[in-house]
Amino acid sequence: MQARPIGAKLTDFTVPPAPGPEVIAGRYVALERLDPSRHADDLYAANAGQDWVWDYMGYGPFATLGAYRAWQAEAAAKADPCFYALRDLARERIGGLASYLRIDRNHGVIEIGHIEISPAMQRSPAATEAISLMIGWAFDHGYRRVEWKCDALNAPSMAAAKRYGFRYEGTFRQHMIYKGRNRDTAWWAIIDKDWPPLAKAHQSWLTPENFDADGRQKLRLSVLTEAASDAASRPSHET
């Protein structure tokens, strides 16, 4: 009987650690383990009057600061999702949240999600660097796959996934019900061999030289990550 194809043998995989350092720091942003006593007030104020930021989340908006603090306290107590508050270092304000979730250490798979960026922090180097740091931490600590999932109708999230260099892998139809609505979920991922050229693209985009005196980007991240992905997928004899 002819041998059937099977996956490549993994000889050097070690189960990675659970996420959870107190701080993951970069040039523009510091990710701090979520603490309602330090983070709830700033972020509630940053989202005030902007209920649309919760449209694709399974929770929110929150009518009062007390209700939001209670939600943060519940979120902060969990190991999965593992929540971080995003501190914009230029403004010294908390401008968003993100988490690691669906953490599968035995298979080296981790997801980044529950991303909520306040309007004041959106489209900033700090917002981009926050996600870049989270991806980098995962691969630096031995994860093989970093996932991004979102409502397939969430055009900004779909565009962001592509911009960071995640590859679209398909849509799970009728995957969830949230807030009484259907959700078709789009799946995106970066795997470990994809990350080194993407990491260089992220680092190039984040250099101060890529921004003019008014803070406007000179070269778009999507241009850099598309070039990195194209180079990585090209057969070696073509490089």
C-alpha atoms as a PDB file:
ATOM      1  CA  MET A   1       0.000   0.000   0.000  1.00  0.00           C
ATOM      2  CA  GLN A   2       1.345   3.398  -0.949  1.00  0.00           C
ATOM      3  CA  ALA A   3       2.258   5.599   2.003  1.00  0.00           C
ATOM      4  CA  ARG A   4      -0.154   8.464   2.543  1.00  0.00           C
ATOM      5  CA  PRO A   5       1.135  12.003   3.095  1.00  0.00           C
ATOM      6  CA  ILE A   6       1.422  13.135   6.701  1.00  0.00           C
ATOM      7  CA  GLY A   7       2.525  16.362   8.346  1.00  0.00           C
ATOM      8  CA  ALA A   8       6.140  17.235   8.965  1.00  0.00           C
ATOM      9  CA  LYS A   9       7.594  15.896  12.195  1.00  0.00           C
ATOM     10  CA  LEU A  10       8.195  18.571  14.846  1.00  0.00           C
ATOM     11  CA  THR A  11      11.474  17.870  16.595  1.00  0.00           C
ATOM     12  CA  ASP A  12      12.115  21.163  18.355  1.00  0.00           C
ATOM     13  CA  PHE A  13       8.702  22.299  19.615  1.00  0.00           C
ATOM     14  CA  THR A  14       8.520  23.196  23.291  1.00  0.00           C
ATOM     15  CA  VAL A  15       5.246  24.126  24.949  1.00  0.00           C
ATOM     16  CA  PRO A  16       5.335  27.939  25.255  1.00  0.00           C
ATOM     17  CA  PRO A  17       4.538  29.827  28.445  1.00  0.00           C
ATOM     18  CA  ALA A  18       1.190  31.368  29.166  1.00  0.00           C
ATOM     19  CA  PRO A  19       1.048  35.077  28.422  1.00  0.00           C
ATOM     20  CA  GLY A  20       0.967  37.493  31.309  1.00  0.00           C
ATOM     21  CA  PRO A  21       3.996  39.763  31.787  1.00  0.00           C
ATOM     22  CA  GLU A  22       2.956  42.829  33.754  1.00  0.00           C
ATOM     23  CA  VAL A  23       4.211  45.198  31.051  1.00  0.00           C
ATOM     24  CA  ILE A  24       5.117  44.821  27.364  1.00  0.00           C
ATOM     25  CA  ALA A  25       6.768  48.100  26.434  1.00  0.00           C
ATOM     26  CA  GLY A  26       7.576  49.728  23.122  1.00  0.00           C
ATOM     27  CA  ARG A  27       8.549  53.143  21.789  1.00  0.00           C
ATOM     28  CA  TYR A  28       5.034  54.588  21.556  1.00  0.00           C
ATOM     29  CA  VAL A  29       2.945  52.354  23.804  1.00  0.00           C
ATOM     30  CA  ALA A  30       3.124  50.257  26.944  1.00  0.00           C
ATOM     31  CA  LEU A  31       0.796  47.303  27.408  1.00  0.00           C
ATOM     32  CA  GLU A  32      -0.135  46.963  31.084  1.00  0.00           C
ATOM     33  CA  ARG A  33      -2.000  44.041  32.616  1.00  0.00           C
ATOM     34  CA  LEU A  34      -5.545  45.265  33.031  1.00  0.00           C
ATOM     35  CA  ASP A  35      -6.253  46.854  36.418  1.00  0.00           C
ATOM     36  CA  PRO A  36      -9.603  48.639  36.768  1.00  0.00           C
ATOM     37  CA  SER A  37      -8.274  50.871  39.532  1.00  0.00           C
ATOM     38  CA  ARG A  38      -5.696  52.327  37.118  1.00  0.00           C
ATOM     39  CA  HIS A  39      -7.336  51.916  33.730  1.00  0.00           C
ATOM     40  CA  ALA A  40     -11.137  52.079  33.857  1.00  0.00           C
ATOM     41  CA  ASP A  41     -11.568  55.821  34.369  1.00  0.00           C
ATOM     42  CA  ASP A  42      -9.273  56.866  31.500  1.00  0.00           C
ATOM     43  CA  LEU A  43     -10.747  54.447  29.009  1.00  0.00           C
ATOM     44  CA  TYR A  44     -14.352  55.133  29.950  1.00  0.00           C
ATOM     45  CA  ALA A  45     -13.707  58.845  29.408  1.00  0.00           C
ATOM     46  CA  ALA A  46     -11.903  58.162  26.110  1.00  0.00           C
ATOM     47  CA  ASN A  47     -14.951  56.280  24.779  1.00  0.00           C
ATOM     48  CA  ALA A  48     -17.607  58.647  26.154  1.00  0.00           C
ATOM     49  CA  GLY A  49     -20.238  59.457  23.554  1.00  0.00           C
ATOM     50  CA  GLN A  50     -18.714  56.984  21.084  1.00  0.00           C
ATOM     51  CA  ASP A  51     -20.992  53.983  21.500  1.00  0.00           C
ATOM     52  CA  TRP A  52     -20.151  52.759  17.977  1.00  0.00           C
ATOM     53  CA  VAL A  53     -16.790  51.448  19.263  1.00  0.00           C
ATOM     54  CA  TRP A  54     -18.745  48.553  20.819  1.00  0.00           C
ATOM     55  CA  ASP A  55     -20.738  47.616  17.688  1.00  0.00           C
ATOM     56  CA  TYR A  56     -18.813  44.398  16.981  1.00  0.00           C
ATOM     57  CA  MET A  57     -18.045  43.472  20.598  1.00  0.00           C
ATOM     58  CA  GLY A  58     -20.024  40.958  22.624  1.00  0.00           C
ATOM     59  CA  TYR A  59     -20.483  43.546  25.418  1.00  0.00           C
ATOM     60  CA  GLY A  60     -20.921  47.281  25.797  1.00  0.00           C
ATOM     61  CA  PRO A  61     -21.710  50.086  25.551  1.00  0.00           C
ATOM     62  CA  PHE A  62     -21.691  50.831  29.264  1.00  0.00           C
ATOM     63  CA  ALA A  63     -24.162  53.349  30.633  1.00  0.00           C
ATOM     64  CA  THR A  64     -22.097  54.268  33.700  1.00  0.00           C
ATOM     65  CA  LEU A  65     -18.506  54.267  34.862  1.00  0.00           C
ATOM     66  CA  GLY A  66     -19.501  51.832  37.606  1.00  0.00           C
ATOM     67  CA  ALA A  67     -20.827  49.339  35.088  1.00  0.00           C
ATOM     68  CA  TYR A  68     -17.649  49.643  33.058  1.00  0.00           C
ATOM     69  CA  ARG A  69     -15.445  49.196  36.124  1.00  0.00           C
ATOM     70  CA  ALA A  70     -17.393  46.063  37.032  1.00  0.00           C
ATOM     71  CA  TRP A  71     -16.871  44.650  33.526  1.00  0.00           C
ATOM     72  CA  GLN A  72     -13.140  45.445  33.663  1.00  0.00           C
ATOM     73  CA  ALA A  73     -12.849  43.778  37.079  1.00  0.00           C
ATOM     74  CA  GLU A  74     -14.406  40.603  35.692  1.00  0.00           C
ATOM     75  CA  ALA A  75     -12.169  40.708  32.609  1.00  0.00           C
ATOM     76  CA  ALA A  76      -8.992  41.388  34.601  1.00  0.00           C
ATOM     77  CA  ALA A  77      -9.588  38.350  36.821  1.00  0.00           C
ATOM     78  CA  LYS A  78      -9.351  35.922  33.899  1.00  0.00           C
ATOM     79  CA  ALA A  79      -6.253  34.179  32.589  1.00  0.00           C
ATOM     80  CA  ASP A  80      -7.911  33.537  29.219  1.00  0.00           C
ATOM     81  CA  PRO A  81      -8.644  36.082  27.872  1.00  0.00           C
ATOM     82  CA  CYS A  82      -5.526  37.773  29.252  1.00  0.00           C
ATOM     83  CA  PHE A  83      -6.301  41.491  29.012  1.00  0.00           C
ATOM     84  CA  TYR A  84      -3.951  44.429  28.565  1.00  0.00           C
ATOM     85  CA  ALA A  85      -4.626  48.154  28.735  1.00  0.00           C
ATOM     86  CA  LEU A  86      -2.809  50.188  26.091  1.00  0.00           C
ATOM     87  CA  ARG A  87      -1.046  53.263  27.439  1.00  0.00           C
ATOM     88  CA  ASP A  88      -0.254  55.871  24.802  1.00  0.00           C
ATOM     89  CA  LEU A  89       3.140  57.075  26.025  1.00  0.00           C
ATOM     90  CA  ALA A  90       2.977  60.413  24.197  1.00  0.00           C
ATOM     91  CA  ARG A  91      -0.327  61.337  25.851  1.00  0.00           C
ATOM     92  CA  GLU A  92       0.184  59.355  29.074  1.00  0.00           C
ATOM     93  CA  ARG A  93      -3.386  58.123  28.769  1.00  0.00           C
ATOM     94  CA  ILE A  94      -4.982  54.709  28.467  1.00  0.00           C
ATOM     95  CA  GLY A  95      -6.368  54.576  24.962  1.00  0.00           C
ATOM     96  CA  GLY A  96      -7.466  51.005  24.404  1.00  0.00           C
ATOM     97  CA  LEU A  97      -7.651  47.348  25.348  1.00  0.00           C
ATOM     98  CA  ALA A  98      -6.521  44.107  23.743  1.00  0.00           C
ATOM     99  CA  SER A  99      -6.142  40.540  24.921  1.00  0.00           C
ATOM    100  CA  TYR A 100      -4.608  37.182  24.272  1.00  0.00           C
ATOM    101  CA  LEU A 101      -7.309  34.538  24.150  1.00  0.00           C
ATOM    102  CA  ARG A 102      -8.050  30.956  23.094  1.00  0.00           C
ATOM    103  CA  ILE A 103      -4.591  30.188  24.367  1.00  0.00           C
ATOM    104  CA  ASP A 104      -3.651  26.656  23.274  1.00  0.00           C
ATOM    105  CA  ARG A 105      -0.139  26.150  24.583  1.00  0.00           C
ATOM    106  CA  ASN A 106       0.060  22.455  23.692  1.00  0.00           C
ATOM    107  CA  HIS A 107      -0.321  23.326  20.020  1.00  0.00           C
ATOM    108  CA  GLY A 108       1.471  26.674  20.159  1.00  0.00           C
ATOM    109  CA  VAL A 109      -1.592  28.656  19.060  1.00  0.00           C
ATOM    110  CA  ILE A 110      -2.792  31.962  20.462  1.00  0.00           C
ATOM    111  CA  GLU A 111      -5.306  34.585  19.340  1.00  0.00           C
ATOM    112  CA  ILE A 112      -5.261  38.364  19.691  1.00  0.00           C
ATOM    113  CA  GLY A 113      -8.723  39.821  20.188  1.00  0.00           C
ATOM    114  CA  HIS A 114     -11.117  41.897  22.307  1.00  0.00           C
ATOM    115  CA  ILE A 115      -9.387  44.843  20.644  1.00  0.00           C
ATOM    116  CA  GLU A 116     -11.056  48.137  21.511  1.00  0.00           C
ATOM    117  CA  ILE A 117      -9.188  51.297  20.537  1.00  0.00           C
ATOM    118  CA  SER A 118     -10.646  54.661  21.563  1.00  0.00           C
ATOM    119  CA  PRO A 119     -11.146  57.254  18.818  1.00  0.00           C
ATOM    120  CA  ALA A 120      -8.287  59.389  20.186  1.00  0.00           C
ATOM    121  CA  MET A 121      -5.829  56.505  19.838  1.00  0.00           C
ATOM    122  CA  GLN A 122      -7.018  55.116  16.515  1.00  0.00           C
ATOM    123  CA  ARG A 123      -4.704  55.521  13.514  1.00  0.00           C
ATOM    124  CA  SER A 124      -1.757  56.279  15.774  1.00  0.00           C
ATOM    125  CA  PRO A 125       1.708  54.702  15.953  1.00  0.00           C
ATOM    126  CA  ALA A 126       0.824  53.613  19.504  1.00  0.00           C
ATOM    127  CA  ALA A 127      -2.196  51.611  18.324  1.00  0.00           C
ATOM    128  CA  THR A 128      -0.209  49.871  15.599  1.00  0.00           C
ATOM    129  CA  GLU A 129       2.746  49.175  17.865  1.00  0.00           C
ATOM    130  CA  ALA A 130       0.479  47.619  20.512  1.00  0.00           C
ATOM    131  CA  ILE A 131      -0.631  44.840  18.166  1.00  0.00           C
ATOM    132  CA  SER A 132       2.881  44.445  16.755  1.00  0.00           C
ATOM    133  CA  LEU A 133       4.241  43.963  20.275  1.00  0.00           C
ATOM    134  CA  MET A 134       1.610  41.343  21.048  1.00  0.00           C
ATOM    135  CA  ILE A 135       2.390  39.369  17.900  1.00  0.00           C
ATOM    136  CA  GLY A 136       6.122  39.642  18.557  1.00  0.00           C
ATOM    137  CA  TRP A 137       5.810  38.528  22.181  1.00  0.00           C
ATOM    138  CA  ALA A 138       3.929  35.389  21.104  1.00  0.00           C
ATOM    139  CA  PHE A 139       6.488  34.331  18.507  1.00  0.00           C
ATOM    140  CA  ASP A 140       9.442  35.294  20.711  1.00  0.00           C
ATOM    141  CA  HIS A 141       8.095  32.909  23.357  1.00  0.00           C
ATOM    142  CA  GLY A 142       7.601  29.901  21.105  1.00  0.00           C
ATOM    143  CA  TYR A 143       4.075  30.110  19.715  1.00  0.00           C
ATOM    144  CA  ARG A 144       3.704  28.718  16.193  1.00  0.00           C
ATOM    145  CA  ARG A 145       0.526  30.503  15.134  1.00  0.00           C
ATOM    146  CA  VAL A 146      -1.118  33.816  16.035  1.00  0.00           C
ATOM    147  CA  GLU A 147      -4.767  34.188  15.058  1.00  0.00           C
ATOM    148  CA  TRP A 148      -7.071  37.124  14.407  1.00  0.00           C
ATOM    149  CA  LYS A 149     -10.818  36.597  14.145  1.00  0.00           C
ATOM    150  CA  CYS A 150     -13.530  39.150  13.539  1.00  0.00           C
ATOM    151  CA  ASP A 151     -17.070  39.648  12.336  1.00  0.00           C
ATOM    152  CA  ALA A 152     -16.853  39.343   8.576  1.00  0.00           C
ATOM    153  CA  LEU A 153     -18.915  42.559   8.357  1.00  0.00           C
ATOM    154  CA  ASN A 154     -16.345  44.493  10.402  1.00  0.00           C
ATOM    155  CA  ALA A 155     -14.535  46.165   7.532  1.00  0.00           C
ATOM    156  CA  PRO A 156     -12.041  48.109   9.704  1.00  0.00           C
ATOM    157  CA  SER A 157     -10.966  44.927  11.510  1.00  0.00           C
ATOM    158  CA  MET A 158     -10.642  43.035   8.236  1.00  0.00           C
ATOM    159  CA  ALA A 159      -8.477  45.823   6.829  1.00  0.00           C
ATOM    160  CA  ALA A 160      -6.376  45.944   9.993  1.00  0.00           C
ATOM    161  CA  ALA A 161      -5.685  42.202   9.879  1.00  0.00           C
ATOM    162  CA  LYS A 162      -4.445  42.480   6.306  1.00  0.00           C
ATOM    163  CA  ARG A 163      -2.399  45.597   7.146  1.00  0.00           C
ATOM    164  CA  TYR A 164      -0.539  43.792   9.948  1.00  0.00           C
ATOM    165  CA  GLY A 165       0.266  40.904   7.621  1.00  0.00           C
ATOM    166  CA  PHE A 166      -2.275  38.311   8.739  1.00  0.00           C
ATOM    167  CA  ARG A 167      -3.412  35.981   5.965  1.00  0.00           C
ATOM    168  CA  TYR A 168      -7.106  35.430   5.392  1.00  0.00           C
ATOM    169  CA  GLU A 169      -8.011  31.751   5.805  1.00  0.00           C
ATOM    170  CA  GLY A 170     -11.768  31.755   5.276  1.00  0.00           C
ATOM    171  CA  THR A 171     -15.096  32.619   6.873  1.00  0.00           C
ATOM    172  CA  PHE A 172     -17.070  30.411   9.255  1.00  0.00           C
ATOM    173  CA  ARG A 173     -20.710  31.051   8.423  1.00  0.00           C
ATOM    174  CA  GLN A 174     -23.186  31.417  11.300  1.00  0.00           C
ATOM    175  CA  HIS A 175     -20.330  30.928  13.728  1.00  0.00           C
ATOM    176  CA  MET A 176     -21.743  32.947  16.639  1.00  0.00           C
ATOM    177  CA  ILE A 177     -24.723  34.777  18.047  1.00  0.00           C
ATOM    178  CA  TYR A 178     -23.900  37.990  19.909  1.00  0.00           C
ATOM    179  CA  LYS A 179     -26.229  40.732  21.084  1.00  0.00           C
ATOM    180  CA  GLY A 180     -28.994  38.733  19.433  1.00  0.00           C
ATOM    181  CA  ARG A 181     -27.352  38.994  15.995  1.00  0.00           C
ATOM    182  CA  ASN A 182     -25.712  36.505  13.678  1.00  0.00           C
ATOM    183  CA  ARG A 183     -21.959  36.617  13.220  1.00  0.00           C
ATOM    184  CA  ASP A 184     -20.071  35.091  10.341  1.00  0.00           C
ATOM    185  CA  THR A 185     -16.470  34.971  11.548  1.00  0.00           C
ATOM    186  CA  ALA A 186     -13.473  35.680   9.325  1.00  0.00           C
ATOM    187  CA  TRP A 187     -10.298  33.816  10.290  1.00  0.00           C
ATOM    188  CA  TRP A 188      -6.823  35.291   9.759  1.00  0.00           C
ATOM    189  CA  ALA A 189      -3.423  34.055  10.939  1.00  0.00           C
ATOM    190  CA  ILE A 190       0.321  34.599  10.935  1.00  0.00           C
ATOM    191  CA  ILE A 191       2.546  31.552  11.452  1.00  0.00           C
ATOM    192  CA  ASP A 192       6.059  31.541  12.810  1.00  0.00           C
ATOM    193  CA  LYS A 193       7.840  31.364   9.456  1.00  0.00           C
ATOM    194  CA  ASP A 194       5.828  34.375   8.225  1.00  0.00           C
ATOM    195  CA  TRP A 195       6.835  36.597  11.114  1.00  0.00           C
ATOM    196  CA  PRO A 196      10.548  37.466  10.634  1.00  0.00           C
ATOM    197  CA  PRO A 197      10.030  39.461   7.397  1.00  0.00           C
ATOM    198  CA  LEU A 198       6.798  40.928   8.750  1.00  0.00           C
ATOM    199  CA  ALA A 199       8.567  41.937  11.957  1.00  0.00           C
ATOM    200  CA  LYS A 200      11.126  43.867   9.896  1.00  0.00           C
ATOM    201  CA  ALA A 201       8.285  45.568   8.034  1.00  0.00           C
ATOM    202  CA  HIS A 202       6.647  46.569  11.323  1.00  0.00           C
ATOM    203  CA  GLN A 203       9.941  47.861  12.693  1.00  0.00           C
ATOM    204  CA  SER A 204      10.567  49.915   9.555  1.00  0.00           C
ATOM    205  CA  TRP A 205       7.125  51.488   9.756  1.00  0.00           C
ATOM    206  CA  LEU A 206       7.522  52.322  13.450  1.00  0.00           C
ATOM    207  CA  THR A 207      10.840  54.167  13.120  1.00  0.00           C
ATOM    208  CA  PRO A 208      10.555  57.904  13.868  1.00  0.00           C
ATOM    209  CA  GLU A 209      11.962  58.603  10.404  1.00  0.00           C
ATOM    210  CA  ASN A 210       8.764  57.211   8.861  1.00  0.00           C
ATOM    211  CA  PHE A 211       6.739  60.145  10.242  1.00  0.00           C
ATOM    212  CA  ASP A 212       6.854  63.783   9.261  1.00  0.00           C
ATOM    213  CA  ALA A 213       6.839  66.750  11.653  1.00  0.00           C
ATOM    214  CA  ASP A 214       3.039  66.525  11.941  1.00  0.00           C
ATOM    215  CA  GLY A 215       3.126  62.793  12.710  1.00  0.00           C
ATOM    216  CA  ARG A 216       1.870  61.693   9.308  1.00  0.00           C
ATOM    217  CA  GLN A 217       3.235  58.415   7.973  1.00  0.00           C
ATOM    218  CA  LYS A 218       5.482  58.545   4.928  1.00  0.00           C
ATOM    219  CA  LEU A 219       5.167  54.877   3.960  1.00  0.00           C
ATOM    220  CA  ARG A 220       2.066  52.804   4.697  1.00  0.00           C
ATOM    221  CA  LEU A 221       2.448  49.639   6.768  1.00  0.00           C
ATOM    222  CA  SER A 222       0.323  47.712   4.275  1.00  0.00           C
ATOM    223  CA  VAL A 223       2.877  48.423   1.538  1.00  0.00           C
ATOM    224  CA  LEU A 224       5.664  47.037   3.713  1.00  0.00           C
ATOM    225  CA  THR A 225       3.793  43.947   4.898  1.00  0.00           C
ATOM    226  CA  GLU A 226       2.535  43.076   1.409  1.00  0.00           C
ATOM    227  CA  ALA A 227       6.099  43.222   0.118  1.00  0.00           C
ATOM    228  CA  ALA A 228       7.294  41.074   3.034  1.00  0.00           C
ATOM    229  CA  SER A 229       4.555  38.497   2.459  1.00  0.00           C
ATOM    230  CA  ASP A 230       5.270  38.370  -1.264  1.00  0.00           C
ATOM    231  CA  ALA A 231       8.978  37.829  -0.647  1.00  0.00           C
ATOM    232  CA  ALA A 232       8.320  35.111   1.937  1.00  0.00           C
ATOM    233  CA  SER A 233       6.010  33.175  -0.395  1.00  0.00           C
ATOM    234  CA  ARG A 234       8.335  33.379  -3.404  1.00  0.00           C
ATOM    235  CA  PRO A 235      10.259  30.151  -4.170  1.00  0.00           C
ATOM    236  CA  SER A 236      13.861  30.379  -3.006  1.00  0.00           C
ATOM    237  CA  HIS A 237      15.266  30.101  -6.570  1.00  0.00           C
ATOM    238  CA  GLU A 238      13.438  33.337  -7.449  1.00  0.00           C
ATOM    239  CA  THR A 239      14.958  35.413  -4.639  1.00  0.00           C
END
